[in-house]
Amino acid sequence: MPVVALYNVKGEQIGDVELNDAVFGVEINKSLIHDVVVMLNANKRQGTAAVKTRGFVRGGGKKPWRQKGTGRARQGSTRAPNWVGGGKVFGPTPRDYSYAIPKKARRAALRSALTAKVQAGEILVVDKIEVAAPKTKEMAGILANLNANGKSLVVTAGYDSNLYLSTRNIPGVKSSPAKDINVYDVLYHSKVILTKDAVAKVEEVLLDAASA
């Protein structure tokens, strides 16, 4: 089993934690990770890009000149795509980019991503992180003690409003309950900081998925 150091919020090592092989020590499937990251990014797209075709451009109701006898090419409207101010051809229209990958595949990719973080030494386990009130300065101090001043993902067992409010104004730092972490967030952040309870929660969820 992978073994990582256990820290307190002062950055002092107070022990070790054994991580479950079935979650933090699996064979890394890079292809699956890629597929899930592409899906997550696609699902974030708004899909609101749009242009006006000739049917939506104002004007152009009158034929600009008679059909024959002028020596010019026949034209039916000044809003045809070949005219300045005319409609656009084959431009983007509103669409939904989202799609889904099976839950078992998403969770398998998350196990691969967590394993990659462990192998890279980018997983930190803290006994507990408690913030009595929303204090950005206090949370910034905890991250500095843990030598996690860059992009960091702070994972707790459940939703903690004080922790969320304390981290949201720190650039590159995101807090999340264990049930909501995803492959993109794990890979995007340089450090993944989990409380001891969050490790147990992540293992509980992903082990159930692996055995299903």
N, C-alpha and C. Protein backbone atom coordinates (compact mmCIF):
# COMPACT_ATOMS: atom_id res chain seq x y z
N MET A 1 0.84 -1.20 0.00
CA MET A 1 0.00 0.00 0.00
C MET A 1 0.87 1.25 0.00
N PRO A 2 0.47 2.29 -0.75
CA PRO A 2 1.23 3.55 -0.70
C PRO A 2 1.15 4.16 0.70
N VAL A 3 2.25 4.68 1.16
CA VAL A 3 2.30 5.32 2.47
C VAL A 3 2.73 6.77 2.28
N VAL A 4 1.93 7.71 2.82
CA VAL A 4 2.27 9.12 2.73
C VAL A 4 2.31 9.71 4.13
N ALA A 5 3.00 10.81 4.26
CA ALA A 5 3.13 11.46 5.56
C ALA A 5 1.81 12.12 5.97
N LEU A 6 1.57 12.13 7.26
CA LEU A 6 0.40 12.81 7.83
C LEU A 6 0.87 14.08 8.52
N TYR A 7 0.28 15.20 8.15
CA TYR A 7 0.69 16.49 8.70
C TYR A 7 -0.43 17.10 9.53
N ASN A 8 -0.05 18.08 10.37
CA ASN A 8 -1.06 18.94 11.00
C ASN A 8 -1.05 20.28 10.27
N VAL A 9 -1.92 21.18 10.68
CA VAL A 9 -2.04 22.45 9.95
C VAL A 9 -0.82 23.35 10.13
N LYS A 10 0.06 22.99 11.06
CA LYS A 10 1.29 23.76 11.23
C LYS A 10 2.39 23.28 10.28
N GLY A 11 2.09 22.22 9.50
CA GLY A 11 3.07 21.69 8.58
C GLY A 11 4.01 20.68 9.21
N GLU A 12 3.70 20.24 10.43
CA GLU A 12 4.54 19.28 11.14
C GLU A 12 4.08 17.85 10.84
N GLN A 13 5.02 16.97 10.56
CA GLN A 13 4.65 15.57 10.32
C GLN A 13 4.37 14.90 11.65
N ILE A 14 3.17 14.31 11.75
CA ILE A 14 2.78 13.69 13.02
C ILE A 14 2.56 12.18 12.87
N GLY A 15 2.87 11.66 11.68
CA GLY A 15 2.70 10.22 11.47
C GLY A 15 2.67 9.88 9.99
N ASP A 16 2.17 8.69 9.71
CA ASP A 16 2.03 8.23 8.33
C ASP A 16 0.62 7.70 8.12
N VAL A 17 0.21 7.69 6.84
CA VAL A 17 -1.11 7.18 6.48
C VAL A 17 -0.94 6.17 5.35
N GLU A 18 -1.56 5.01 5.52
CA GLU A 18 -1.56 4.01 4.45
C GLU A 18 -2.77 4.25 3.55
N LEU A 19 -2.52 4.36 2.27
CA LEU A 19 -3.60 4.57 1.30
C LEU A 19 -3.96 3.24 0.65
N ASN A 20 -5.21 3.10 0.32
CA ASN A 20 -5.68 1.85 -0.26
C ASN A 20 -5.17 1.67 -1.69
N ASP A 21 -4.59 0.50 -1.94
CA ASP A 21 -4.05 0.19 -3.27
C ASP A 21 -5.11 0.26 -4.36
N ALA A 22 -6.33 -0.10 -4.03
CA ALA A 22 -7.39 -0.16 -5.04
C ALA A 22 -7.85 1.23 -5.48
N VAL A 23 -7.41 2.26 -4.76
CA VAL A 23 -7.78 3.64 -5.12
C VAL A 23 -6.56 4.47 -5.49
N PHE A 24 -5.50 4.35 -4.69
CA PHE A 24 -4.32 5.19 -4.87
C PHE A 24 -3.12 4.44 -5.44
N GLY A 25 -3.33 3.17 -5.83
CA GLY A 25 -2.21 2.40 -6.35
C GLY A 25 -2.58 1.53 -7.53
N VAL A 26 -3.45 2.04 -8.39
CA VAL A 26 -3.91 1.27 -9.54
C VAL A 26 -2.98 1.51 -10.74
N GLU A 27 -3.18 0.71 -11.79
CA GLU A 27 -2.45 0.95 -13.04
C GLU A 27 -3.05 2.18 -13.72
N ILE A 28 -2.21 3.11 -14.10
CA ILE A 28 -2.69 4.38 -14.66
C ILE A 28 -3.14 4.19 -16.11
N ASN A 29 -4.37 4.58 -16.37
CA ASN A 29 -4.95 4.48 -17.72
C ASN A 29 -5.02 5.89 -18.31
N LYS A 30 -3.96 6.28 -19.03
CA LYS A 30 -3.88 7.65 -19.55
C LYS A 30 -4.97 7.93 -20.57
N SER A 31 -5.30 6.95 -21.37
CA SER A 31 -6.33 7.14 -22.39
C SER A 31 -7.68 7.45 -21.76
N LEU A 32 -8.00 6.73 -20.69
CA LEU A 32 -9.28 6.95 -20.01
C LEU A 32 -9.30 8.32 -19.34
N ILE A 33 -8.17 8.70 -18.74
CA ILE A 33 -8.07 10.03 -18.12
C ILE A 33 -8.32 11.11 -19.17
N HIS A 34 -7.70 10.95 -20.34
CA HIS A 34 -7.88 11.92 -21.42
C HIS A 34 -9.35 12.01 -21.83
N ASP A 35 -10.00 10.87 -21.99
CA ASP A 35 -11.40 10.87 -22.41
C ASP A 35 -12.28 11.61 -21.41
N VAL A 36 -12.02 11.41 -20.14
CA VAL A 36 -12.86 12.04 -19.11
C VAL A 36 -12.59 13.55 -19.04
N VAL A 37 -11.32 13.95 -19.18
CA VAL A 37 -11.00 15.38 -19.16
C VAL A 37 -11.65 16.10 -20.34
N VAL A 38 -11.61 15.49 -21.52
CA VAL A 38 -12.25 16.08 -22.70
C VAL A 38 -13.75 16.22 -22.46
N MET A 39 -14.37 15.20 -21.85
CA MET A 39 -15.80 15.27 -21.56
C MET A 39 -16.11 16.40 -20.58
N LEU A 40 -15.32 16.51 -19.51
CA LEU A 40 -15.57 17.55 -18.51
C LEU A 40 -15.44 18.95 -19.11
N ASN A 41 -14.45 19.14 -19.97
CA ASN A 41 -14.29 20.45 -20.62
C ASN A 41 -15.41 20.72 -21.62
N ALA A 42 -15.84 19.69 -22.33
CA ALA A 42 -16.95 19.87 -23.28
C ALA A 42 -18.22 20.25 -22.54
N ASN A 43 -18.43 19.66 -21.37
CA ASN A 43 -19.65 19.94 -20.61
C ASN A 43 -19.67 21.35 -20.03
N LYS A 44 -18.50 21.99 -19.97
CA LYS A 44 -18.44 23.36 -19.48
C LYS A 44 -18.77 24.39 -20.58
N ARG A 45 -18.75 23.96 -21.84
CA ARG A 45 -18.95 24.90 -22.94
C ARG A 45 -20.38 25.41 -22.96
N GLN A 46 -20.53 26.70 -23.18
CA GLN A 46 -21.86 27.30 -23.18
C GLN A 46 -22.63 26.96 -24.45
N GLY A 47 -21.94 26.91 -25.57
CA GLY A 47 -22.61 26.59 -26.82
C GLY A 47 -23.58 27.66 -27.27
N THR A 48 -23.30 28.93 -26.95
CA THR A 48 -24.21 30.02 -27.30
C THR A 48 -23.76 30.81 -28.53
N ALA A 49 -22.66 30.40 -29.17
CA ALA A 49 -22.18 31.11 -30.36
C ALA A 49 -23.23 31.05 -31.47
N ALA A 50 -23.48 32.19 -32.11
CA ALA A 50 -24.50 32.23 -33.17
C ALA A 50 -24.21 33.36 -34.14
N VAL A 51 -24.57 33.17 -35.38
CA VAL A 51 -24.50 34.22 -36.39
C VAL A 51 -25.86 34.35 -37.06
N LYS A 52 -26.05 35.45 -37.80
CA LYS A 52 -27.31 35.65 -38.51
C LYS A 52 -27.17 35.14 -39.95
N THR A 53 -28.05 34.25 -40.30
CA THR A 53 -28.12 33.82 -41.69
C THR A 53 -28.94 34.85 -42.46
N ARG A 54 -29.08 34.66 -43.75
CA ARG A 54 -29.80 35.65 -44.57
C ARG A 54 -31.26 35.80 -44.13
N GLY A 55 -31.78 34.79 -43.46
CA GLY A 55 -33.16 34.88 -42.99
C GLY A 55 -33.33 35.75 -41.77
N PHE A 56 -32.23 36.10 -41.11
CA PHE A 56 -32.31 36.89 -39.88
C PHE A 56 -31.77 38.30 -40.02
N VAL A 57 -31.17 38.62 -41.18
CA VAL A 57 -30.61 39.96 -41.40
C VAL A 57 -31.72 40.90 -41.84
N ARG A 58 -31.76 42.08 -41.25
CA ARG A 58 -32.81 43.02 -41.58
C ARG A 58 -32.61 43.60 -42.97
N GLY A 59 -33.70 43.81 -43.67
CA GLY A 59 -33.67 44.43 -44.99
C GLY A 59 -33.59 43.40 -46.10
N GLY A 60 -33.34 43.91 -47.31
CA GLY A 60 -33.15 43.02 -48.45
C GLY A 60 -34.43 42.50 -49.07
N GLY A 61 -35.55 43.10 -48.74
CA GLY A 61 -36.82 42.59 -49.28
C GLY A 61 -37.01 42.91 -50.75
N LYS A 62 -36.42 44.00 -51.20
CA LYS A 62 -36.63 44.43 -52.58
C LYS A 62 -35.50 43.89 -53.48
N LYS A 63 -35.89 43.43 -54.65
CA LYS A 63 -34.89 42.98 -55.63
C LYS A 63 -34.09 44.20 -56.07
N PRO A 64 -32.72 44.15 -55.97
CA PRO A 64 -31.93 45.36 -56.20
C PRO A 64 -32.01 45.91 -57.63
N TRP A 65 -32.17 45.08 -58.63
CA TRP A 65 -32.40 45.52 -60.01
C TRP A 65 -33.14 44.43 -60.76
N ARG A 66 -33.62 44.79 -61.92
CA ARG A 66 -34.42 43.83 -62.67
C ARG A 66 -33.57 42.65 -63.12
N GLN A 67 -34.24 41.57 -63.41
CA GLN A 67 -33.56 40.31 -63.68
C GLN A 67 -32.67 40.37 -64.92
N LYS A 68 -33.16 40.98 -65.99
CA LYS A 68 -32.42 40.96 -67.26
C LYS A 68 -32.20 42.37 -67.78
N GLY A 69 -31.22 42.49 -68.65
CA GLY A 69 -31.04 43.74 -69.39
C GLY A 69 -30.07 44.72 -68.80
N THR A 70 -29.56 44.48 -67.61
CA THR A 70 -28.64 45.46 -67.01
C THR A 70 -27.18 45.11 -67.27
N GLY A 71 -26.90 43.87 -67.67
CA GLY A 71 -25.52 43.45 -67.86
C GLY A 71 -24.86 42.97 -66.59
N ARG A 72 -25.57 43.07 -65.51
CA ARG A 72 -25.01 42.60 -64.24
C ARG A 72 -25.59 41.24 -63.88
N ALA A 73 -24.91 40.59 -62.96
CA ALA A 73 -25.41 39.28 -62.51
C ALA A 73 -26.74 39.45 -61.81
N ARG A 74 -27.59 38.45 -61.98
CA ARG A 74 -28.91 38.53 -61.35
C ARG A 74 -28.78 38.43 -59.82
N GLN A 75 -29.54 39.27 -59.15
CA GLN A 75 -29.53 39.30 -57.69
C GLN A 75 -30.96 39.38 -57.19
N GLY A 76 -31.25 38.64 -56.13
CA GLY A 76 -32.61 38.67 -55.60
C GLY A 76 -32.72 39.48 -54.32
N SER A 77 -31.58 39.71 -53.63
CA SER A 77 -31.63 40.41 -52.36
C SER A 77 -30.26 40.99 -52.04
N THR A 78 -30.25 42.12 -51.37
CA THR A 78 -28.98 42.72 -50.94
C THR A 78 -28.49 42.09 -49.64
N ARG A 79 -29.22 41.11 -49.13
CA ARG A 79 -28.80 40.45 -47.89
C ARG A 79 -28.32 39.00 -48.15
N ALA A 80 -28.06 38.71 -49.43
CA ALA A 80 -27.47 37.41 -49.76
C ALA A 80 -26.04 37.36 -49.22
N PRO A 81 -25.51 36.20 -48.96
CA PRO A 81 -24.18 36.10 -48.34
C PRO A 81 -23.05 36.75 -49.14
N ASN A 82 -23.21 36.89 -50.44
CA ASN A 82 -22.14 37.50 -51.24
C ASN A 82 -22.16 39.02 -51.20
N TRP A 83 -23.11 39.60 -50.48
CA TRP A 83 -23.19 41.06 -50.35
C TRP A 83 -22.62 41.49 -48.99
N VAL A 84 -22.01 42.67 -48.98
CA VAL A 84 -21.59 43.26 -47.71
C VAL A 84 -22.84 43.55 -46.89
N GLY A 85 -22.84 43.12 -45.66
CA GLY A 85 -24.02 43.29 -44.82
C GLY A 85 -25.02 42.16 -44.95
N GLY A 86 -24.67 41.17 -45.79
CA GLY A 86 -25.57 40.04 -45.96
C GLY A 86 -25.42 39.02 -44.84
N GLY A 87 -26.23 37.99 -44.91
CA GLY A 87 -26.18 36.95 -43.90
C GLY A 87 -24.94 36.08 -44.05
N LYS A 88 -24.64 35.32 -43.02
CA LYS A 88 -23.49 34.42 -43.02
C LYS A 88 -23.92 33.00 -43.42
N VAL A 89 -23.00 32.29 -44.04
CA VAL A 89 -23.29 30.92 -44.47
C VAL A 89 -22.57 29.93 -43.56
N PHE A 90 -23.28 28.94 -43.10
CA PHE A 90 -22.70 27.85 -42.31
C PHE A 90 -21.97 28.33 -41.05
N GLY A 91 -22.45 29.42 -40.47
CA GLY A 91 -21.85 29.91 -39.23
C GLY A 91 -22.33 29.09 -38.04
N PRO A 92 -21.75 29.32 -36.87
CA PRO A 92 -22.16 28.56 -35.69
C PRO A 92 -23.58 28.91 -35.25
N THR A 93 -24.26 27.93 -34.75
CA THR A 93 -25.59 28.13 -34.19
C THR A 93 -25.60 27.53 -32.78
N PRO A 94 -26.49 27.98 -31.91
CA PRO A 94 -26.51 27.44 -30.55
C PRO A 94 -26.63 25.93 -30.54
N ARG A 95 -25.81 25.29 -29.71
CA ARG A 95 -25.83 23.83 -29.63
C ARG A 95 -25.37 23.38 -28.25
N ASP A 96 -25.66 22.15 -27.93
CA ASP A 96 -25.27 21.57 -26.65
C ASP A 96 -24.08 20.64 -26.88
N TYR A 97 -22.95 20.98 -26.28
CA TYR A 97 -21.73 20.19 -26.46
C TYR A 97 -21.62 19.04 -25.46
N SER A 98 -22.50 19.01 -24.47
CA SER A 98 -22.33 18.06 -23.37
C SER A 98 -22.64 16.63 -23.80
N TYR A 99 -21.93 15.71 -23.16
CA TYR A 99 -22.20 14.29 -23.34
C TYR A 99 -21.73 13.58 -22.08
N ALA A 100 -22.02 12.30 -21.97
CA ALA A 100 -21.71 11.58 -20.74
C ALA A 100 -20.86 10.35 -21.03
N ILE A 101 -19.99 10.06 -20.07
CA ILE A 101 -19.22 8.83 -20.06
C ILE A 101 -19.73 8.01 -18.87
N PRO A 102 -19.82 6.70 -18.98
CA PRO A 102 -20.35 5.89 -17.88
C PRO A 102 -19.67 6.20 -16.54
N LYS A 103 -20.45 6.15 -15.47
CA LYS A 103 -19.95 6.48 -14.14
C LYS A 103 -18.76 5.59 -13.73
N LYS A 104 -18.81 4.30 -14.09
CA LYS A 104 -17.71 3.41 -13.73
C LYS A 104 -16.42 3.85 -14.41
N ALA A 105 -16.53 4.33 -15.65
CA ALA A 105 -15.34 4.80 -16.36
C ALA A 105 -14.81 6.09 -15.73
N ARG A 106 -15.71 6.99 -15.33
CA ARG A 106 -15.28 8.24 -14.70
C ARG A 106 -14.55 7.97 -13.39
N ARG A 107 -15.07 7.03 -12.63
CA ARG A 107 -14.44 6.73 -11.34
C ARG A 107 -13.13 5.98 -11.53
N ALA A 108 -13.05 5.15 -12.55
CA ALA A 108 -11.78 4.48 -12.85
C ALA A 108 -10.72 5.51 -13.25
N ALA A 109 -11.13 6.53 -14.00
CA ALA A 109 -10.20 7.60 -14.38
C ALA A 109 -9.76 8.39 -13.16
N LEU A 110 -10.69 8.60 -12.22
CA LEU A 110 -10.33 9.33 -10.99
C LEU A 110 -9.33 8.53 -10.16
N ARG A 111 -9.49 7.21 -10.10
CA ARG A 111 -8.50 6.39 -9.39
C ARG A 111 -7.13 6.50 -10.06
N SER A 112 -7.12 6.52 -11.39
CA SER A 112 -5.85 6.67 -12.12
C SER A 112 -5.21 8.02 -11.83
N ALA A 113 -6.03 9.07 -11.80
CA ALA A 113 -5.51 10.41 -11.54
C ALA A 113 -4.94 10.53 -10.12
N LEU A 114 -5.64 9.96 -9.15
CA LEU A 114 -5.15 10.00 -7.76
C LEU A 114 -3.86 9.20 -7.62
N THR A 115 -3.78 8.08 -8.32
CA THR A 115 -2.55 7.28 -8.29
C THR A 115 -1.38 8.07 -8.88
N ALA A 116 -1.64 8.78 -9.98
CA ALA A 116 -0.58 9.59 -10.60
C ALA A 116 -0.10 10.67 -9.64
N LYS A 117 -1.01 11.25 -8.87
CA LYS A 117 -0.63 12.28 -7.91
C LYS A 117 0.22 11.70 -6.77
N VAL A 118 -0.16 10.52 -6.33
CA VAL A 118 0.63 9.87 -5.28
C VAL A 118 2.05 9.58 -5.78
N GLN A 119 2.14 9.05 -7.00
CA GLN A 119 3.45 8.73 -7.56
C GLN A 119 4.31 9.97 -7.78
N ALA A 120 3.65 11.10 -8.03
CA ALA A 120 4.39 12.35 -8.24
C ALA A 120 4.69 13.06 -6.93
N GLY A 121 4.23 12.52 -5.80
CA GLY A 121 4.46 13.16 -4.51
C GLY A 121 3.65 14.43 -4.33
N GLU A 122 2.50 14.50 -4.97
CA GLU A 122 1.67 15.71 -4.92
C GLU A 122 0.39 15.53 -4.11
N ILE A 123 0.35 14.49 -3.28
CA ILE A 123 -0.77 14.27 -2.37
C ILE A 123 -0.30 14.60 -0.95
N LEU A 124 -1.04 15.47 -0.27
CA LEU A 124 -0.76 15.79 1.13
C LEU A 124 -1.97 15.38 1.97
N VAL A 125 -1.71 14.70 3.07
CA VAL A 125 -2.81 14.32 3.98
C VAL A 125 -2.61 15.07 5.29
N VAL A 126 -3.69 15.73 5.71
CA VAL A 126 -3.67 16.52 6.94
C VAL A 126 -4.66 15.90 7.92
N ASP A 127 -4.31 15.90 9.20
CA ASP A 127 -5.20 15.25 10.18
C ASP A 127 -6.58 15.90 10.17
N LYS A 128 -6.62 17.23 10.14
CA LYS A 128 -7.90 17.94 10.00
C LYS A 128 -7.61 19.40 9.68
N ILE A 129 -8.57 20.02 9.00
CA ILE A 129 -8.48 21.46 8.71
C ILE A 129 -9.78 22.08 9.20
N GLU A 130 -9.66 22.90 10.21
CA GLU A 130 -10.84 23.54 10.77
C GLU A 130 -10.63 25.06 10.78
N VAL A 131 -11.58 25.77 10.22
CA VAL A 131 -11.55 27.23 10.21
C VAL A 131 -12.80 27.70 10.93
N ALA A 132 -12.61 28.36 12.07
CA ALA A 132 -13.75 28.74 12.91
C ALA A 132 -14.65 29.77 12.24
N ALA A 133 -14.04 30.62 11.41
CA ALA A 133 -14.79 31.67 10.71
C ALA A 133 -14.12 31.89 9.36
N PRO A 134 -14.85 32.47 8.41
CA PRO A 134 -14.24 32.72 7.09
C PRO A 134 -13.07 33.69 7.19
N LYS A 135 -11.87 33.18 7.14
CA LYS A 135 -10.66 34.00 7.25
C LYS A 135 -9.67 33.58 6.17
N THR A 136 -9.58 34.37 5.11
CA THR A 136 -8.66 34.07 4.02
C THR A 136 -7.22 34.04 4.51
N LYS A 137 -6.87 34.96 5.39
CA LYS A 137 -5.50 35.05 5.88
C LYS A 137 -5.12 33.78 6.65
N GLU A 138 -6.05 33.26 7.43
CA GLU A 138 -5.77 32.04 8.21
C GLU A 138 -5.55 30.86 7.28
N MET A 139 -6.38 30.74 6.25
CA MET A 139 -6.24 29.63 5.32
C MET A 139 -4.95 29.76 4.51
N ALA A 140 -4.60 30.98 4.14
CA ALA A 140 -3.35 31.20 3.41
C ALA A 140 -2.16 30.79 4.26
N GLY A 141 -2.24 31.02 5.56
CA GLY A 141 -1.17 30.63 6.47
C GLY A 141 -1.04 29.11 6.55
N ILE A 142 -2.18 28.42 6.59
CA ILE A 142 -2.15 26.95 6.62
C ILE A 142 -1.50 26.39 5.36
N LEU A 143 -1.87 26.95 4.21
CA LEU A 143 -1.29 26.49 2.94
C LEU A 143 0.22 26.76 2.90
N ALA A 144 0.62 27.91 3.45
CA ALA A 144 2.06 28.23 3.49
C ALA A 144 2.80 27.23 4.38
N ASN A 145 2.18 26.85 5.49
CA ASN A 145 2.81 25.86 6.39
C ASN A 145 2.98 24.52 5.69
N LEU A 146 2.05 24.20 4.80
CA LEU A 146 2.10 22.92 4.09
C LEU A 146 2.91 23.01 2.80
N ASN A 147 3.52 24.17 2.58
CA ASN A 147 4.31 24.40 1.36
C ASN A 147 3.46 24.17 0.12
N ALA A 148 2.23 24.67 0.16
CA ALA A 148 1.29 24.52 -0.96
C ALA A 148 0.81 25.90 -1.39
N ASN A 149 1.76 26.72 -1.83
CA ASN A 149 1.43 28.09 -2.19
C ASN A 149 0.96 28.24 -3.64
N GLY A 150 1.09 27.19 -4.44
CA GLY A 150 0.64 27.26 -5.83
C GLY A 150 -0.81 26.84 -5.96
N LYS A 151 -1.12 26.20 -7.08
CA LYS A 151 -2.48 25.72 -7.31
C LYS A 151 -2.73 24.51 -6.41
N SER A 152 -3.73 24.62 -5.56
CA SER A 152 -3.99 23.56 -4.59
C SER A 152 -5.47 23.24 -4.52
N LEU A 153 -5.76 21.95 -4.41
CA LEU A 153 -7.13 21.47 -4.22
C LEU A 153 -7.24 20.95 -2.80
N VAL A 154 -8.12 21.58 -2.01
CA VAL A 154 -8.32 21.18 -0.62
C VAL A 154 -9.59 20.34 -0.54
N VAL A 155 -9.45 19.09 -0.12
CA VAL A 155 -10.58 18.16 -0.12
C VAL A 155 -10.93 17.79 1.32
N THR A 156 -12.20 17.98 1.67
CA THR A 156 -12.70 17.63 2.99
C THR A 156 -13.76 16.54 2.85
N ALA A 157 -14.08 15.89 3.96
CA ALA A 157 -15.04 14.79 3.92
C ALA A 157 -16.42 15.29 3.49
N GLY A 158 -16.81 16.45 3.98
CA GLY A 158 -18.11 17.03 3.63
C GLY A 158 -17.95 18.50 3.31
N TYR A 159 -19.06 19.14 2.95
CA TYR A 159 -19.00 20.57 2.61
C TYR A 159 -18.75 21.39 3.86
N ASP A 160 -17.80 22.30 3.80
CA ASP A 160 -17.46 23.19 4.91
C ASP A 160 -17.55 24.62 4.40
N SER A 161 -18.61 25.32 4.82
CA SER A 161 -18.84 26.68 4.28
C SER A 161 -17.72 27.64 4.68
N ASN A 162 -17.22 27.53 5.91
CA ASN A 162 -16.14 28.42 6.34
C ASN A 162 -14.88 28.19 5.53
N LEU A 163 -14.60 26.92 5.27
CA LEU A 163 -13.41 26.60 4.47
C LEU A 163 -13.58 27.11 3.04
N TYR A 164 -14.78 26.93 2.49
CA TYR A 164 -15.03 27.41 1.13
C TYR A 164 -14.84 28.93 1.04
N LEU A 165 -15.41 29.66 2.00
CA LEU A 165 -15.30 31.11 1.98
C LEU A 165 -13.87 31.58 2.25
N SER A 166 -13.10 30.76 2.97
CA SER A 166 -11.72 31.14 3.28
C SER A 166 -10.77 30.89 2.12
N THR A 167 -11.16 30.01 1.19
CA THR A 167 -10.25 29.66 0.08
C THR A 167 -10.62 30.33 -1.23
N ARG A 168 -11.86 30.78 -1.38
CA ARG A 168 -12.29 31.22 -2.71
C ARG A 168 -11.58 32.47 -3.22
N ASN A 169 -11.01 33.27 -2.32
CA ASN A 169 -10.30 34.47 -2.75
C ASN A 169 -8.80 34.27 -2.90
N ILE A 170 -8.34 33.03 -2.70
CA ILE A 170 -6.91 32.75 -2.87
C ILE A 170 -6.70 32.24 -4.30
N PRO A 171 -5.93 32.94 -5.11
CA PRO A 171 -5.75 32.53 -6.51
C PRO A 171 -5.22 31.10 -6.63
N GLY A 172 -5.85 30.30 -7.46
CA GLY A 172 -5.38 28.95 -7.74
C GLY A 172 -5.78 27.92 -6.72
N VAL A 173 -6.53 28.32 -5.68
CA VAL A 173 -6.91 27.38 -4.62
C VAL A 173 -8.41 27.11 -4.70
N LYS A 174 -8.76 25.84 -4.58
CA LYS A 174 -10.17 25.44 -4.61
C LYS A 174 -10.42 24.44 -3.50
N SER A 175 -11.56 24.57 -2.83
CA SER A 175 -11.94 23.57 -1.83
C SER A 175 -13.13 22.78 -2.36
N SER A 176 -13.19 21.52 -1.96
CA SER A 176 -14.25 20.66 -2.48
C SER A 176 -14.53 19.53 -1.50
N PRO A 177 -15.80 19.16 -1.32
CA PRO A 177 -16.08 17.93 -0.56
C PRO A 177 -15.62 16.72 -1.36
N ALA A 178 -15.33 15.64 -0.67
CA ALA A 178 -14.76 14.45 -1.32
C ALA A 178 -15.64 13.91 -2.43
N LYS A 179 -16.95 13.98 -2.27
CA LYS A 179 -17.86 13.41 -3.26
C LYS A 179 -17.89 14.19 -4.57
N ASP A 180 -17.36 15.41 -4.56
CA ASP A 180 -17.45 16.26 -5.76
C ASP A 180 -16.15 16.38 -6.54
N ILE A 181 -15.08 15.74 -6.10
CA ILE A 181 -13.82 15.91 -6.84
C ILE A 181 -13.91 15.18 -8.18
N ASN A 182 -13.20 15.70 -9.15
CA ASN A 182 -13.19 15.07 -10.48
C ASN A 182 -11.78 15.03 -11.03
N VAL A 183 -11.63 14.34 -12.13
CA VAL A 183 -10.30 14.11 -12.71
C VAL A 183 -9.63 15.43 -13.09
N TYR A 184 -10.38 16.33 -13.69
CA TYR A 184 -9.79 17.60 -14.14
C TYR A 184 -9.21 18.38 -12.96
N ASP A 185 -9.99 18.52 -11.87
CA ASP A 185 -9.52 19.27 -10.71
C ASP A 185 -8.28 18.63 -10.10
N VAL A 186 -8.27 17.31 -10.02
CA VAL A 186 -7.12 16.61 -9.44
C VAL A 186 -5.86 16.86 -10.25
N LEU A 187 -5.98 16.80 -11.58
CA LEU A 187 -4.81 16.98 -12.43
C LEU A 187 -4.40 18.44 -12.57
N TYR A 188 -5.38 19.34 -12.54
CA TYR A 188 -5.08 20.77 -12.75
C TYR A 188 -4.27 21.35 -11.60
N HIS A 189 -4.57 20.94 -10.38
CA HIS A 189 -3.90 21.53 -9.23
C HIS A 189 -2.57 20.82 -8.93
N SER A 190 -1.58 21.61 -8.57
CA SER A 190 -0.24 21.07 -8.30
C SER A 190 -0.22 20.21 -7.04
N LYS A 191 -1.03 20.58 -6.06
CA LYS A 191 -1.11 19.82 -4.81
C LYS A 191 -2.56 19.45 -4.53
N VAL A 192 -2.75 18.22 -4.07
CA VAL A 192 -4.07 17.79 -3.61
C VAL A 192 -3.96 17.53 -2.12
N ILE A 193 -4.64 18.36 -1.33
CA ILE A 193 -4.57 18.28 0.13
C ILE A 193 -5.86 17.65 0.64
N LEU A 194 -5.74 16.49 1.24
CA LEU A 194 -6.92 15.79 1.76
C LEU A 194 -6.84 15.71 3.27
N THR A 195 -7.96 15.90 3.93
CA THR A 195 -8.00 15.61 5.36
C THR A 195 -8.05 14.09 5.52
N LYS A 196 -7.73 13.61 6.71
CA LYS A 196 -7.74 12.17 6.96
C LYS A 196 -9.14 11.59 6.72
N ASP A 197 -10.17 12.34 7.14
CA ASP A 197 -11.54 11.89 6.91
C ASP A 197 -11.89 11.88 5.43
N ALA A 198 -11.33 12.82 4.67
CA ALA A 198 -11.61 12.88 3.23
C ALA A 198 -11.00 11.68 2.52
N VAL A 199 -9.82 11.23 2.97
CA VAL A 199 -9.21 10.03 2.39
C VAL A 199 -10.14 8.84 2.56
N ALA A 200 -10.68 8.69 3.77
CA ALA A 200 -11.59 7.58 4.04
C ALA A 200 -12.85 7.68 3.17
N LYS A 201 -13.34 8.90 2.99
CA LYS A 201 -14.55 9.09 2.18
C LYS A 201 -14.29 8.78 0.71
N VAL A 202 -13.15 9.24 0.18
CA VAL A 202 -12.79 8.96 -1.21
C VAL A 202 -12.64 7.47 -1.42
N GLU A 203 -11.96 6.81 -0.50
CA GLU A 203 -11.78 5.36 -0.63
C GLU A 203 -13.11 4.63 -0.56
N GLU A 204 -13.99 5.08 0.32
CA GLU A 204 -15.31 4.44 0.45
C GLU A 204 -16.08 4.52 -0.86
N VAL A 205 -16.12 5.69 -1.47
CA VAL A 205 -16.88 5.89 -2.70
C VAL A 205 -16.26 5.11 -3.87
N LEU A 206 -14.94 5.22 -4.03
CA LEU A 206 -14.29 4.61 -5.19
C LEU A 206 -14.14 3.09 -5.04
N LEU A 207 -14.06 2.59 -3.81
CA LEU A 207 -14.02 1.15 -3.62
C LEU A 207 -15.36 0.51 -3.91
N ASP A 208 -16.43 1.21 -3.52
CA ASP A 208 -17.77 0.72 -3.86
C ASP A 208 -17.95 0.66 -5.36
N ALA A 209 -17.42 1.66 -6.06
CA ALA A 209 -17.55 1.70 -7.51
C ALA A 209 -16.73 0.60 -8.16
N ALA A 210 -15.55 0.33 -7.59
CA ALA A 210 -14.68 -0.69 -8.18
C ALA A 210 -15.26 -2.09 -8.01
N SER A 211 -15.97 -2.30 -6.90
CA SER A 211 -16.54 -3.63 -6.64
C SER A 211 -17.88 -3.85 -7.31
N ALA A 212 -18.49 -2.75 -7.82
CA ALA A 212 -19.82 -2.87 -8.43
C ALA A 212 -19.74 -3.57 -9.80
